[in-house]
Amino acid sequence: MRYMVIERYRQGPGPVYERLAAQGRMLPDGLAYLDSWIVDEPSMDRCFQLMETSDPSLFEAWFQRWSDLVSFELFPLTTSAEASARVAGSAR
């Protein structure tokens, strides 16, 4: 399943990018990074990451590794086609 993670950098992007360069993403096995986007604002203090896993409990371990620098919001995702099918099915 895919998930959107919204990260908010507690002390700005500098410390986050420094740790990332030194230690990588520090993802537990079974949690996959797919892509990410940073807000195009001077603060550059929010990141939207597309992730994939069959075990959402892995997010907690990853969040703990970054919690001193980042706060997290986690959202399970569905495709537009799946959402449309659900809505059409519930309208019957």
Foldseek 3Di string as FASTA:
>chain_A
DKKKKKKFWPVACVVVVVCCVVPNQPADPFKAWDDKDFDPDPRSGMMITIIDGPDVVSVVVSCVVCVVTIDIDMGDDDDPVVVVVVVVVVVD
